[in-house]
Amino acid sequence: SGTVIGCTMSHWTLWKALDYLGQED
């Protein structure tokens, strides 16, 4: 469903942001 897709996108975009900008181990 759309809400499940929304949850997937929430995690995926966070991973992308952390991969590019994150400074932690």
PDBML (XML) file of the C-alpha atoms, coordinates in Angstrom:
<?xml version="1.0" encoding="UTF-8" ?>
<PDBx:datablock datablockName="MODEL"
   xmlns:PDBx="http://pdbml.pdb.org/schema/pdbx-v50.xsd"
   xmlns:xsi="http://www.w3.org/2001/XMLSchema-instance"
   xsi:schemaLocation="http://pdbml.pdb.org/schema/pdbx-v50.xsd pdbx-v50.xsd">
   <PDBx:atom_siteCategory>
      <PDBx:atom_site id="1">
         <PDBx:B_iso_or_equiv>0.00</PDBx:B_iso_or_equiv>
         <PDBx:Cartn_x>0.000</PDBx:Cartn_x>
         <PDBx:Cartn_y>0.000</PDBx:Cartn_y>
         <PDBx:Cartn_z>0.000</PDBx:Cartn_z>
         <PDBx:auth_asym_id>A</PDBx:auth_asym_id>
         <PDBx:auth_atom_id>CA</PDBx:auth_atom_id>
         <PDBx:auth_comp_id>SER</PDBx:auth_comp_id>
         <PDBx:auth_seq_id>1</PDBx:auth_seq_id>
         <PDBx:group_PDB>ATOM</PDBx:group_PDB>
         <PDBx:label_alt_id xsi:nil="true" />
         <PDBx:label_asym_id>A</PDBx:label_asym_id>
         <PDBx:label_atom_id>CA</PDBx:label_atom_id>
         <PDBx:label_comp_id>SER</PDBx:label_comp_id>
         <PDBx:label_entity_id>1</PDBx:label_entity_id>
         <PDBx:label_seq_id>1</PDBx:label_seq_id>
         <PDBx:occupancy>1.00</PDBx:occupancy>
         <PDBx:pdbx_PDB_model_num>1</PDBx:pdbx_PDB_model_num>
         <PDBx:type_symbol>C</PDBx:type_symbol>
      </PDBx:atom_site>
      <PDBx:atom_site id="2">
         <PDBx:B_iso_or_equiv>0.00</PDBx:B_iso_or_equiv>
         <PDBx:Cartn_x>0.895</PDBx:Cartn_x>
         <PDBx:Cartn_y>3.663</PDBx:Cartn_y>
         <PDBx:Cartn_z>-0.197</PDBx:Cartn_z>
         <PDBx:auth_asym_id>A</PDBx:auth_asym_id>
         <PDBx:auth_atom_id>CA</PDBx:auth_atom_id>
         <PDBx:auth_comp_id>GLY</PDBx:auth_comp_id>
         <PDBx:auth_seq_id>2</PDBx:auth_seq_id>
         <PDBx:group_PDB>ATOM</PDBx:group_PDB>
         <PDBx:label_alt_id xsi:nil="true" />
         <PDBx:label_asym_id>A</PDBx:label_asym_id>
         <PDBx:label_atom_id>CA</PDBx:label_atom_id>
         <PDBx:label_comp_id>GLY</PDBx:label_comp_id>
         <PDBx:label_entity_id>1</PDBx:label_entity_id>
         <PDBx:label_seq_id>2</PDBx:label_seq_id>
         <PDBx:occupancy>1.00</PDBx:occupancy>
         <PDBx:pdbx_PDB_model_num>1</PDBx:pdbx_PDB_model_num>
         <PDBx:type_symbol>C</PDBx:type_symbol>
      </PDBx:atom_site>
      <PDBx:atom_site id="3">
         <PDBx:B_iso_or_equiv>0.00</PDBx:B_iso_or_equiv>
         <PDBx:Cartn_x>1.538</PDBx:Cartn_x>
         <PDBx:Cartn_y>3.978</PDBx:Cartn_y>
         <PDBx:Cartn_z>3.531</PDBx:Cartn_z>
         <PDBx:auth_asym_id>A</PDBx:auth_asym_id>
         <PDBx:auth_atom_id>CA</PDBx:auth_atom_id>
         <PDBx:auth_comp_id>THR</PDBx:auth_comp_id>
         <PDBx:auth_seq_id>3</PDBx:auth_seq_id>
         <PDBx:group_PDB>ATOM</PDBx:group_PDB>
         <PDBx:label_alt_id xsi:nil="true" />
         <PDBx:label_asym_id>A</PDBx:label_asym_id>
         <PDBx:label_atom_id>CA</PDBx:label_atom_id>
         <PDBx:label_comp_id>THR</PDBx:label_comp_id>
         <PDBx:label_entity_id>1</PDBx:label_entity_id>
         <PDBx:label_seq_id>3</PDBx:label_seq_id>
         <PDBx:occupancy>1.00</PDBx:occupancy>
         <PDBx:pdbx_PDB_model_num>1</PDBx:pdbx_PDB_model_num>
         <PDBx:type_symbol>C</PDBx:type_symbol>
      </PDBx:atom_site>
      <PDBx:atom_site id="4">
         <PDBx:B_iso_or_equiv>0.00</PDBx:B_iso_or_equiv>
         <PDBx:Cartn_x>3.984</PDBx:Cartn_x>
         <PDBx:Cartn_y>1.057</PDBx:Cartn_y>
         <PDBx:Cartn_z>3.365</PDBx:Cartn_z>
         <PDBx:auth_asym_id>A</PDBx:auth_asym_id>
         <PDBx:auth_atom_id>CA</PDBx:auth_atom_id>
         <PDBx:auth_comp_id>VAL</PDBx:auth_comp_id>
         <PDBx:auth_seq_id>4</PDBx:auth_seq_id>
         <PDBx:group_PDB>ATOM</PDBx:group_PDB>
         <PDBx:label_alt_id xsi:nil="true" />
         <PDBx:label_asym_id>A</PDBx:label_asym_id>
         <PDBx:label_atom_id>CA</PDBx:label_atom_id>
         <PDBx:label_comp_id>VAL</PDBx:label_comp_id>
         <PDBx:label_entity_id>1</PDBx:label_entity_id>
         <PDBx:label_seq_id>4</PDBx:label_seq_id>
         <PDBx:occupancy>1.00</PDBx:occupancy>
         <PDBx:pdbx_PDB_model_num>1</PDBx:pdbx_PDB_model_num>
         <PDBx:type_symbol>C</PDBx:type_symbol>
      </PDBx:atom_site>
      <PDBx:atom_site id="5">
         <PDBx:B_iso_or_equiv>0.00</PDBx:B_iso_or_equiv>
         <PDBx:Cartn_x>5.738</PDBx:Cartn_x>
         <PDBx:Cartn_y>2.705</PDBx:Cartn_y>
         <PDBx:Cartn_z>0.425</PDBx:Cartn_z>
         <PDBx:auth_asym_id>A</PDBx:auth_asym_id>
         <PDBx:auth_atom_id>CA</PDBx:auth_atom_id>
         <PDBx:auth_comp_id>ILE</PDBx:auth_comp_id>
         <PDBx:auth_seq_id>5</PDBx:auth_seq_id>
         <PDBx:group_PDB>ATOM</PDBx:group_PDB>
         <PDBx:label_alt_id xsi:nil="true" />
         <PDBx:label_asym_id>A</PDBx:label_asym_id>
         <PDBx:label_atom_id>CA</PDBx:label_atom_id>
         <PDBx:label_comp_id>ILE</PDBx:label_comp_id>
         <PDBx:label_entity_id>1</PDBx:label_entity_id>
         <PDBx:label_seq_id>5</PDBx:label_seq_id>
         <PDBx:occupancy>1.00</PDBx:occupancy>
         <PDBx:pdbx_PDB_model_num>1</PDBx:pdbx_PDB_model_num>
         <PDBx:type_symbol>C</PDBx:type_symbol>
      </PDBx:atom_site>
      <PDBx:atom_site id="6">
         <PDBx:B_iso_or_equiv>0.00</PDBx:B_iso_or_equiv>
         <PDBx:Cartn_x>5.925</PDBx:Cartn_x>
         <PDBx:Cartn_y>5.909</PDBx:Cartn_y>
         <PDBx:Cartn_z>2.479</PDBx:Cartn_z>
         <PDBx:auth_asym_id>A</PDBx:auth_asym_id>
         <PDBx:auth_atom_id>CA</PDBx:auth_atom_id>
         <PDBx:auth_comp_id>GLY</PDBx:auth_comp_id>
         <PDBx:auth_seq_id>6</PDBx:auth_seq_id>
         <PDBx:group_PDB>ATOM</PDBx:group_PDB>
         <PDBx:label_alt_id xsi:nil="true" />
         <PDBx:label_asym_id>A</PDBx:label_asym_id>
         <PDBx:label_atom_id>CA</PDBx:label_atom_id>
         <PDBx:label_comp_id>GLY</PDBx:label_comp_id>
         <PDBx:label_entity_id>1</PDBx:label_entity_id>
         <PDBx:label_seq_id>6</PDBx:label_seq_id>
         <PDBx:occupancy>1.00</PDBx:occupancy>
         <PDBx:pdbx_PDB_model_num>1</PDBx:pdbx_PDB_model_num>
         <PDBx:type_symbol>C</PDBx:type_symbol>
      </PDBx:atom_site>
      <PDBx:atom_site id="7">
         <PDBx:B_iso_or_equiv>0.00</PDBx:B_iso_or_equiv>
         <PDBx:Cartn_x>7.660</PDBx:Cartn_x>
         <PDBx:Cartn_y>4.043</PDBx:Cartn_y>
         <PDBx:Cartn_z>5.311</PDBx:Cartn_z>
         <PDBx:auth_asym_id>A</PDBx:auth_asym_id>
         <PDBx:auth_atom_id>CA</PDBx:auth_atom_id>
         <PDBx:auth_comp_id>CYS</PDBx:auth_comp_id>
         <PDBx:auth_seq_id>7</PDBx:auth_seq_id>
         <PDBx:group_PDB>ATOM</PDBx:group_PDB>
         <PDBx:label_alt_id xsi:nil="true" />
         <PDBx:label_asym_id>A</PDBx:label_asym_id>
         <PDBx:label_atom_id>CA</PDBx:label_atom_id>
         <PDBx:label_comp_id>CYS</PDBx:label_comp_id>
         <PDBx:label_entity_id>1</PDBx:label_entity_id>
         <PDBx:label_seq_id>7</PDBx:label_seq_id>
         <PDBx:occupancy>1.00</PDBx:occupancy>
         <PDBx:pdbx_PDB_model_num>1</PDBx:pdbx_PDB_model_num>
         <PDBx:type_symbol>C</PDBx:type_symbol>
      </PDBx:atom_site>
      <PDBx:atom_site id="8">
         <PDBx:B_iso_or_equiv>0.00</PDBx:B_iso_or_equiv>
         <PDBx:Cartn_x>10.135</PDBx:Cartn_x>
         <PDBx:Cartn_y>2.496</PDBx:Cartn_y>
         <PDBx:Cartn_z>2.870</PDBx:Cartn_z>
         <PDBx:auth_asym_id>A</PDBx:auth_asym_id>
         <PDBx:auth_atom_id>CA</PDBx:auth_atom_id>
         <PDBx:auth_comp_id>THR</PDBx:auth_comp_id>
         <PDBx:auth_seq_id>8</PDBx:auth_seq_id>
         <PDBx:group_PDB>ATOM</PDBx:group_PDB>
         <PDBx:label_alt_id xsi:nil="true" />
         <PDBx:label_asym_id>A</PDBx:label_asym_id>
         <PDBx:label_atom_id>CA</PDBx:label_atom_id>
         <PDBx:label_comp_id>THR</PDBx:label_comp_id>
         <PDBx:label_entity_id>1</PDBx:label_entity_id>
         <PDBx:label_seq_id>8</PDBx:label_seq_id>
         <PDBx:occupancy>1.00</PDBx:occupancy>
         <PDBx:pdbx_PDB_model_num>1</PDBx:pdbx_PDB_model_num>
         <PDBx:type_symbol>C</PDBx:type_symbol>
      </PDBx:atom_site>
      <PDBx:atom_site id="9">
         <PDBx:B_iso_or_equiv>0.00</PDBx:B_iso_or_equiv>
         <PDBx:Cartn_x>10.921</PDBx:Cartn_x>
         <PDBx:Cartn_y>5.893</PDBx:Cartn_y>
         <PDBx:Cartn_z>1.368</PDBx:Cartn_z>
         <PDBx:auth_asym_id>A</PDBx:auth_asym_id>
         <PDBx:auth_atom_id>CA</PDBx:auth_atom_id>
         <PDBx:auth_comp_id>MET</PDBx:auth_comp_id>
         <PDBx:auth_seq_id>9</PDBx:auth_seq_id>
         <PDBx:group_PDB>ATOM</PDBx:group_PDB>
         <PDBx:label_alt_id xsi:nil="true" />
         <PDBx:label_asym_id>A</PDBx:label_asym_id>
         <PDBx:label_atom_id>CA</PDBx:label_atom_id>
         <PDBx:label_comp_id>MET</PDBx:label_comp_id>
         <PDBx:label_entity_id>1</PDBx:label_entity_id>
         <PDBx:label_seq_id>9</PDBx:label_seq_id>
         <PDBx:occupancy>1.00</PDBx:occupancy>
         <PDBx:pdbx_PDB_model_num>1</PDBx:pdbx_PDB_model_num>
         <PDBx:type_symbol>C</PDBx:type_symbol>
      </PDBx:atom_site>
      <PDBx:atom_site id="10">
         <PDBx:B_iso_or_equiv>0.00</PDBx:B_iso_or_equiv>
         <PDBx:Cartn_x>11.399</PDBx:Cartn_x>
         <PDBx:Cartn_y>7.398</PDBx:Cartn_y>
         <PDBx:Cartn_z>4.829</PDBx:Cartn_z>
         <PDBx:auth_asym_id>A</PDBx:auth_asym_id>
         <PDBx:auth_atom_id>CA</PDBx:auth_atom_id>
         <PDBx:auth_comp_id>SER</PDBx:auth_comp_id>
         <PDBx:auth_seq_id>10</PDBx:auth_seq_id>
         <PDBx:group_PDB>ATOM</PDBx:group_PDB>
         <PDBx:label_alt_id xsi:nil="true" />
         <PDBx:label_asym_id>A</PDBx:label_asym_id>
         <PDBx:label_atom_id>CA</PDBx:label_atom_id>
         <PDBx:label_comp_id>SER</PDBx:label_comp_id>
         <PDBx:label_entity_id>1</PDBx:label_entity_id>
         <PDBx:label_seq_id>10</PDBx:label_seq_id>
         <PDBx:occupancy>1.00</PDBx:occupancy>
         <PDBx:pdbx_PDB_model_num>1</PDBx:pdbx_PDB_model_num>
         <PDBx:type_symbol>C</PDBx:type_symbol>
      </PDBx:atom_site>
      <PDBx:atom_site id="11">
         <PDBx:B_iso_or_equiv>0.00</PDBx:B_iso_or_equiv>
         <PDBx:Cartn_x>14.122</PDBx:Cartn_x>
         <PDBx:Cartn_y>4.900</PDBx:Cartn_y>
         <PDBx:Cartn_z>5.700</PDBx:Cartn_z>
         <PDBx:auth_asym_id>A</PDBx:auth_asym_id>
         <PDBx:auth_atom_id>CA</PDBx:auth_atom_id>
         <PDBx:auth_comp_id>HIS</PDBx:auth_comp_id>
         <PDBx:auth_seq_id>11</PDBx:auth_seq_id>
         <PDBx:group_PDB>ATOM</PDBx:group_PDB>
         <PDBx:label_alt_id xsi:nil="true" />
         <PDBx:label_asym_id>A</PDBx:label_asym_id>
         <PDBx:label_atom_id>CA</PDBx:label_atom_id>
         <PDBx:label_comp_id>HIS</PDBx:label_comp_id>
         <PDBx:label_entity_id>1</PDBx:label_entity_id>
         <PDBx:label_seq_id>11</PDBx:label_seq_id>
         <PDBx:occupancy>1.00</PDBx:occupancy>
         <PDBx:pdbx_PDB_model_num>1</PDBx:pdbx_PDB_model_num>
         <PDBx:type_symbol>C</PDBx:type_symbol>
      </PDBx:atom_site>
      <PDBx:atom_site id="12">
         <PDBx:B_iso_or_equiv>0.00</PDBx:B_iso_or_equiv>
         <PDBx:Cartn_x>15.709</PDBx:Cartn_x>
         <PDBx:Cartn_y>4.883</PDBx:Cartn_y>
         <PDBx:Cartn_z>2.228</PDBx:Cartn_z>
         <PDBx:auth_asym_id>A</PDBx:auth_asym_id>
         <PDBx:auth_atom_id>CA</PDBx:auth_atom_id>
         <PDBx:auth_comp_id>TRP</PDBx:auth_comp_id>
         <PDBx:auth_seq_id>12</PDBx:auth_seq_id>
         <PDBx:group_PDB>ATOM</PDBx:group_PDB>
         <PDBx:label_alt_id xsi:nil="true" />
         <PDBx:label_asym_id>A</PDBx:label_asym_id>
         <PDBx:label_atom_id>CA</PDBx:label_atom_id>
         <PDBx:label_comp_id>TRP</PDBx:label_comp_id>
         <PDBx:label_entity_id>1</PDBx:label_entity_id>
         <PDBx:label_seq_id>12</PDBx:label_seq_id>
         <PDBx:occupancy>1.00</PDBx:occupancy>
         <PDBx:pdbx_PDB_model_num>1</PDBx:pdbx_PDB_model_num>
         <PDBx:type_symbol>C</PDBx:type_symbol>
      </PDBx:atom_site>
      <PDBx:atom_site id="13">
         <PDBx:B_iso_or_equiv>0.00</PDBx:B_iso_or_equiv>
         <PDBx:Cartn_x>16.038</PDBx:Cartn_x>
         <PDBx:Cartn_y>8.661</PDBx:Cartn_y>
         <PDBx:Cartn_z>1.992</PDBx:Cartn_z>
         <PDBx:auth_asym_id>A</PDBx:auth_asym_id>
         <PDBx:auth_atom_id>CA</PDBx:auth_atom_id>
         <PDBx:auth_comp_id>THR</PDBx:auth_comp_id>
         <PDBx:auth_seq_id>13</PDBx:auth_seq_id>
         <PDBx:group_PDB>ATOM</PDBx:group_PDB>
         <PDBx:label_alt_id xsi:nil="true" />
         <PDBx:label_asym_id>A</PDBx:label_asym_id>
         <PDBx:label_atom_id>CA</PDBx:label_atom_id>
         <PDBx:label_comp_id>THR</PDBx:label_comp_id>
         <PDBx:label_entity_id>1</PDBx:label_entity_id>
         <PDBx:label_seq_id>13</PDBx:label_seq_id>
         <PDBx:occupancy>1.00</PDBx:occupancy>
         <PDBx:pdbx_PDB_model_num>1</PDBx:pdbx_PDB_model_num>
         <PDBx:type_symbol>C</PDBx:type_symbol>
      </PDBx:atom_site>
      <PDBx:atom_site id="14">
         <PDBx:B_iso_or_equiv>0.00</PDBx:B_iso_or_equiv>
         <PDBx:Cartn_x>17.483</PDBx:Cartn_x>
         <PDBx:Cartn_y>8.787</PDBx:Cartn_y>
         <PDBx:Cartn_z>5.525</PDBx:Cartn_z>
         <PDBx:auth_asym_id>A</PDBx:auth_asym_id>
         <PDBx:auth_atom_id>CA</PDBx:auth_atom_id>
         <PDBx:auth_comp_id>LEU</PDBx:auth_comp_id>
         <PDBx:auth_seq_id>14</PDBx:auth_seq_id>
         <PDBx:group_PDB>ATOM</PDBx:group_PDB>
         <PDBx:label_alt_id xsi:nil="true" />
         <PDBx:label_asym_id>A</PDBx:label_asym_id>
         <PDBx:label_atom_id>CA</PDBx:label_atom_id>
         <PDBx:label_comp_id>LEU</PDBx:label_comp_id>
         <PDBx:label_entity_id>1</PDBx:label_entity_id>
         <PDBx:label_seq_id>14</PDBx:label_seq_id>
         <PDBx:occupancy>1.00</PDBx:occupancy>
         <PDBx:pdbx_PDB_model_num>1</PDBx:pdbx_PDB_model_num>
         <PDBx:type_symbol>C</PDBx:type_symbol>
      </PDBx:atom_site>
      <PDBx:atom_site id="15">
         <PDBx:B_iso_or_equiv>0.00</PDBx:B_iso_or_equiv>
         <PDBx:Cartn_x>20.132</PDBx:Cartn_x>
         <PDBx:Cartn_y>6.229</PDBx:Cartn_y>
         <PDBx:Cartn_z>4.516</PDBx:Cartn_z>
         <PDBx:auth_asym_id>A</PDBx:auth_asym_id>
         <PDBx:auth_atom_id>CA</PDBx:auth_atom_id>
         <PDBx:auth_comp_id>TRP</PDBx:auth_comp_id>
         <PDBx:auth_seq_id>15</PDBx:auth_seq_id>
         <PDBx:group_PDB>ATOM</PDBx:group_PDB>
         <PDBx:label_alt_id xsi:nil="true" />
         <PDBx:label_asym_id>A</PDBx:label_asym_id>
         <PDBx:label_atom_id>CA</PDBx:label_atom_id>
         <PDBx:label_comp_id>TRP</PDBx:label_comp_id>
         <PDBx:label_entity_id>1</PDBx:label_entity_id>
         <PDBx:label_seq_id>15</PDBx:label_seq_id>
         <PDBx:occupancy>1.00</PDBx:occupancy>
         <PDBx:pdbx_PDB_model_num>1</PDBx:pdbx_PDB_model_num>
         <PDBx:type_symbol>C</PDBx:type_symbol>
      </PDBx:atom_site>
      <PDBx:atom_site id="16">
         <PDBx:B_iso_or_equiv>0.00</PDBx:B_iso_or_equiv>
         <PDBx:Cartn_x>20.992</PDBx:Cartn_x>
         <PDBx:Cartn_y>8.337</PDBx:Cartn_y>
         <PDBx:Cartn_z>1.489</PDBx:Cartn_z>
         <PDBx:auth_asym_id>A</PDBx:auth_asym_id>
         <PDBx:auth_atom_id>CA</PDBx:auth_atom_id>
         <PDBx:auth_comp_id>LYS</PDBx:auth_comp_id>
         <PDBx:auth_seq_id>16</PDBx:auth_seq_id>
         <PDBx:group_PDB>ATOM</PDBx:group_PDB>
         <PDBx:label_alt_id xsi:nil="true" />
         <PDBx:label_asym_id>A</PDBx:label_asym_id>
         <PDBx:label_atom_id>CA</PDBx:label_atom_id>
         <PDBx:label_comp_id>LYS</PDBx:label_comp_id>
         <PDBx:label_entity_id>1</PDBx:label_entity_id>
         <PDBx:label_seq_id>16</PDBx:label_seq_id>
         <PDBx:occupancy>1.00</PDBx:occupancy>
         <PDBx:pdbx_PDB_model_num>1</PDBx:pdbx_PDB_model_num>
         <PDBx:type_symbol>C</PDBx:type_symbol>
      </PDBx:atom_site>
      <PDBx:atom_site id="17">
         <PDBx:B_iso_or_equiv>0.00</PDBx:B_iso_or_equiv>
         <PDBx:Cartn_x>21.357</PDBx:Cartn_x>
         <PDBx:Cartn_y>11.476</PDBx:Cartn_y>
         <PDBx:Cartn_z>3.599</PDBx:Cartn_z>
         <PDBx:auth_asym_id>A</PDBx:auth_asym_id>
         <PDBx:auth_atom_id>CA</PDBx:auth_atom_id>
         <PDBx:auth_comp_id>ALA</PDBx:auth_comp_id>
         <PDBx:auth_seq_id>17</PDBx:auth_seq_id>
         <PDBx:group_PDB>ATOM</PDBx:group_PDB>
         <PDBx:label_alt_id xsi:nil="true" />
         <PDBx:label_asym_id>A</PDBx:label_asym_id>
         <PDBx:label_atom_id>CA</PDBx:label_atom_id>
         <PDBx:label_comp_id>ALA</PDBx:label_comp_id>
         <PDBx:label_entity_id>1</PDBx:label_entity_id>
         <PDBx:label_seq_id>17</PDBx:label_seq_id>
         <PDBx:occupancy>1.00</PDBx:occupancy>
         <PDBx:pdbx_PDB_model_num>1</PDBx:pdbx_PDB_model_num>
         <PDBx:type_symbol>C</PDBx:type_symbol>
      </PDBx:atom_site>
      <PDBx:atom_site id="18">
         <PDBx:B_iso_or_equiv>0.00</PDBx:B_iso_or_equiv>
         <PDBx:Cartn_x>23.523</PDBx:Cartn_x>
         <PDBx:Cartn_y>9.734</PDBx:Cartn_y>
         <PDBx:Cartn_z>6.203</PDBx:Cartn_z>
         <PDBx:auth_asym_id>A</PDBx:auth_asym_id>
         <PDBx:auth_atom_id>CA</PDBx:auth_atom_id>
         <PDBx:auth_comp_id>LEU</PDBx:auth_comp_id>
         <PDBx:auth_seq_id>18</PDBx:auth_seq_id>
         <PDBx:group_PDB>ATOM</PDBx:group_PDB>
         <PDBx:label_alt_id xsi:nil="true" />
         <PDBx:label_asym_id>A</PDBx:label_asym_id>
         <PDBx:label_atom_id>CA</PDBx:label_atom_id>
         <PDBx:label_comp_id>LEU</PDBx:label_comp_id>
         <PDBx:label_entity_id>1</PDBx:label_entity_id>
         <PDBx:label_seq_id>18</PDBx:label_seq_id>
         <PDBx:occupancy>1.00</PDBx:occupancy>
         <PDBx:pdbx_PDB_model_num>1</PDBx:pdbx_PDB_model_num>
         <PDBx:type_symbol>C</PDBx:type_symbol>
      </PDBx:atom_site>
      <PDBx:atom_site id="19">
         <PDBx:B_iso_or_equiv>0.00</PDBx:B_iso_or_equiv>
         <PDBx:Cartn_x>25.676</PDBx:Cartn_x>
         <PDBx:Cartn_y>8.154</PDBx:Cartn_y>
         <PDBx:Cartn_z>3.491</PDBx:Cartn_z>
         <PDBx:auth_asym_id>A</PDBx:auth_asym_id>
         <PDBx:auth_atom_id>CA</PDBx:auth_atom_id>
         <PDBx:auth_comp_id>ASP</PDBx:auth_comp_id>
         <PDBx:auth_seq_id>19</PDBx:auth_seq_id>
         <PDBx:group_PDB>ATOM</PDBx:group_PDB>
         <PDBx:label_alt_id xsi:nil="true" />
         <PDBx:label_asym_id>A</PDBx:label_asym_id>
         <PDBx:label_atom_id>CA</PDBx:label_atom_id>
         <PDBx:label_comp_id>ASP</PDBx:label_comp_id>
         <PDBx:label_entity_id>1</PDBx:label_entity_id>
         <PDBx:label_seq_id>19</PDBx:label_seq_id>
         <PDBx:occupancy>1.00</PDBx:occupancy>
         <PDBx:pdbx_PDB_model_num>1</PDBx:pdbx_PDB_model_num>
         <PDBx:type_symbol>C</PDBx:type_symbol>
      </PDBx:atom_site>
      <PDBx:atom_site id="20">
         <PDBx:B_iso_or_equiv>0.00</PDBx:B_iso_or_equiv>
         <PDBx:Cartn_x>26.395</PDBx:Cartn_x>
         <PDBx:Cartn_y>11.540</PDBx:Cartn_y>
         <PDBx:Cartn_z>1.916</PDBx:Cartn_z>
         <PDBx:auth_asym_id>A</PDBx:auth_asym_id>
         <PDBx:auth_atom_id>CA</PDBx:auth_atom_id>
         <PDBx:auth_comp_id>TYR</PDBx:auth_comp_id>
         <PDBx:auth_seq_id>20</PDBx:auth_seq_id>
         <PDBx:group_PDB>ATOM</PDBx:group_PDB>
         <PDBx:label_alt_id xsi:nil="true" />
         <PDBx:label_asym_id>A</PDBx:label_asym_id>
         <PDBx:label_atom_id>CA</PDBx:label_atom_id>
         <PDBx:label_comp_id>TYR</PDBx:label_comp_id>
         <PDBx:label_entity_id>1</PDBx:label_entity_id>
         <PDBx:label_seq_id>20</PDBx:label_seq_id>
         <PDBx:occupancy>1.00</PDBx:occupancy>
         <PDBx:pdbx_PDB_model_num>1</PDBx:pdbx_PDB_model_num>
         <PDBx:type_symbol>C</PDBx:type_symbol>
      </PDBx:atom_site>
      <PDBx:atom_site id="21">
         <PDBx:B_iso_or_equiv>0.00</PDBx:B_iso_or_equiv>
         <PDBx:Cartn_x>26.473</PDBx:Cartn_x>
         <PDBx:Cartn_y>13.791</PDBx:Cartn_y>
         <PDBx:Cartn_z>4.967</PDBx:Cartn_z>
         <PDBx:auth_asym_id>A</PDBx:auth_asym_id>
         <PDBx:auth_atom_id>CA</PDBx:auth_atom_id>
         <PDBx:auth_comp_id>LEU</PDBx:auth_comp_id>
         <PDBx:auth_seq_id>21</PDBx:auth_seq_id>
         <PDBx:group_PDB>ATOM</PDBx:group_PDB>
         <PDBx:label_alt_id xsi:nil="true" />
         <PDBx:label_asym_id>A</PDBx:label_asym_id>
         <PDBx:label_atom_id>CA</PDBx:label_atom_id>
         <PDBx:label_comp_id>LEU</PDBx:label_comp_id>
         <PDBx:label_entity_id>1</PDBx:label_entity_id>
         <PDBx:label_seq_id>21</PDBx:label_seq_id>
         <PDBx:occupancy>1.00</PDBx:occupancy>
         <PDBx:pdbx_PDB_model_num>1</PDBx:pdbx_PDB_model_num>
         <PDBx:type_symbol>C</PDBx:type_symbol>
      </PDBx:atom_site>
      <PDBx:atom_site id="22">
         <PDBx:B_iso_or_equiv>0.00</PDBx:B_iso_or_equiv>
         <PDBx:Cartn_x>26.885</PDBx:Cartn_x>
         <PDBx:Cartn_y>11.608</PDBx:Cartn_y>
         <PDBx:Cartn_z>8.053</PDBx:Cartn_z>
         <PDBx:auth_asym_id>A</PDBx:auth_asym_id>
         <PDBx:auth_atom_id>CA</PDBx:auth_atom_id>
         <PDBx:auth_comp_id>GLY</PDBx:auth_comp_id>
         <PDBx:auth_seq_id>22</PDBx:auth_seq_id>
         <PDBx:group_PDB>ATOM</PDBx:group_PDB>
         <PDBx:label_alt_id xsi:nil="true" />
         <PDBx:label_asym_id>A</PDBx:label_asym_id>
         <PDBx:label_atom_id>CA</PDBx:label_atom_id>
         <PDBx:label_comp_id>GLY</PDBx:label_comp_id>
         <PDBx:label_entity_id>1</PDBx:label_entity_id>
         <PDBx:label_seq_id>22</PDBx:label_seq_id>
         <PDBx:occupancy>1.00</PDBx:occupancy>
         <PDBx:pdbx_PDB_model_num>1</PDBx:pdbx_PDB_model_num>
         <PDBx:type_symbol>C</PDBx:type_symbol>
      </PDBx:atom_site>
      <PDBx:atom_site id="23">
         <PDBx:B_iso_or_equiv>0.00</PDBx:B_iso_or_equiv>
         <PDBx:Cartn_x>30.145</PDBx:Cartn_x>
         <PDBx:Cartn_y>11.808</PDBx:Cartn_y>
         <PDBx:Cartn_z>9.976</PDBx:Cartn_z>
         <PDBx:auth_asym_id>A</PDBx:auth_asym_id>
         <PDBx:auth_atom_id>CA</PDBx:auth_atom_id>
         <PDBx:auth_comp_id>GLN</PDBx:auth_comp_id>
         <PDBx:auth_seq_id>23</PDBx:auth_seq_id>
         <PDBx:group_PDB>ATOM</PDBx:group_PDB>
         <PDBx:label_alt_id xsi:nil="true" />
         <PDBx:label_asym_id>A</PDBx:label_asym_id>
         <PDBx:label_atom_id>CA</PDBx:label_atom_id>
         <PDBx:label_comp_id>GLN</PDBx:label_comp_id>
         <PDBx:label_entity_id>1</PDBx:label_entity_id>
         <PDBx:label_seq_id>23</PDBx:label_seq_id>
         <PDBx:occupancy>1.00</PDBx:occupancy>
         <PDBx:pdbx_PDB_model_num>1</PDBx:pdbx_PDB_model_num>
         <PDBx:type_symbol>C</PDBx:type_symbol>
      </PDBx:atom_site>
      <PDBx:atom_site id="24">
         <PDBx:B_iso_or_equiv>0.00</PDBx:B_iso_or_equiv>
         <PDBx:Cartn_x>29.624</PDBx:Cartn_x>
         <PDBx:Cartn_y>9.016</PDBx:Cartn_y>
         <PDBx:Cartn_z>12.505</PDBx:Cartn_z>
         <PDBx:auth_asym_id>A</PDBx:auth_asym_id>
         <PDBx:auth_atom_id>CA</PDBx:auth_atom_id>
         <PDBx:auth_comp_id>GLU</PDBx:auth_comp_id>
         <PDBx:auth_seq_id>24</PDBx:auth_seq_id>
         <PDBx:group_PDB>ATOM</PDBx:group_PDB>
         <PDBx:label_alt_id xsi:nil="true" />
         <PDBx:label_asym_id>A</PDBx:label_asym_id>
         <PDBx:label_atom_id>CA</PDBx:label_atom_id>
         <PDBx:label_comp_id>GLU</PDBx:label_comp_id>
         <PDBx:label_entity_id>1</PDBx:label_entity_id>
         <PDBx:label_seq_id>24</PDBx:label_seq_id>
         <PDBx:occupancy>1.00</PDBx:occupancy>
         <PDBx:pdbx_PDB_model_num>1</PDBx:pdbx_PDB_model_num>
         <PDBx:type_symbol>C</PDBx:type_symbol>
      </PDBx:atom_site>
      <PDBx:atom_site id="25">
         <PDBx:B_iso_or_equiv>0.00</PDBx:B_iso_or_equiv>
         <PDBx:Cartn_x>30.811</PDBx:Cartn_x>
         <PDBx:Cartn_y>5.404</PDBx:Cartn_y>
         <PDBx:Cartn_z>12.464</PDBx:Cartn_z>
         <PDBx:auth_asym_id>A</PDBx:auth_asym_id>
         <PDBx:auth_atom_id>CA</PDBx:auth_atom_id>
         <PDBx:auth_comp_id>ASP</PDBx:auth_comp_id>
         <PDBx:auth_seq_id>25</PDBx:auth_seq_id>
         <PDBx:group_PDB>ATOM</PDBx:group_PDB>
         <PDBx:label_alt_id xsi:nil="true" />
         <PDBx:label_asym_id>A</PDBx:label_asym_id>
         <PDBx:label_atom_id>CA</PDBx:label_atom_id>
         <PDBx:label_comp_id>ASP</PDBx:label_comp_id>
         <PDBx:label_entity_id>1</PDBx:label_entity_id>
         <PDBx:label_seq_id>25</PDBx:label_seq_id>
         <PDBx:occupancy>1.00</PDBx:occupancy>
         <PDBx:pdbx_PDB_model_num>1</PDBx:pdbx_PDB_model_num>
         <PDBx:type_symbol>C</PDBx:type_symbol>
      </PDBx:atom_site>
   </PDBx:atom_siteCategory>
</PDBx:datablock>
